[in-house]
Amino acid sequence: QLQLVESGGGLVQPGGSLRLSCTASGDTLDSYALGWFRQVPGKEREGVSCISTSGRTTMYAEAVKGRFTISRDGSLSLQMDSLKPEDTAVYYCAAFNPGAVYNLCFLSTVSAYDSWGQGIQVTVSS
């Protein structure tokens, strides 16, 4: 059974950078499409970015386009630059197996993902 663990969160000043990582146990990530989601108290979980099994398809929420970069190389990463206070949230990595559809990922469909990390806090504040 795939288990995911996020790392790299913390407190950063506005304009700063953080790099989140997501590592797997129980299986490798090679066969999974992957996503990053975030959630603040009282709001629904929202999609931040996703990447297909092949790595050829990436998608970003409008709010993070040009500032965040998703990548995969055995593990999953999210490079977050030019951070804003509104990026403050708990960030989750997630995975689903798309079978032979190697260029598929879902940016906003929480229900498409069946493996989730426990989440990690990112706080952007001066």
Foldseek 3Di string as FASTA:
>chain_A
DKAKAKDWADEAAQQAKIKIKIAIPPDWCLQKKKFKWWDDPPDDIFFAKIAFSVRPDIDGDPVQPPAWDWDDDRIIMIIGGNDDQVVWTWMKMFIDGPDPPRGDDDRGPPVRTDYMYPTDTHGHHD
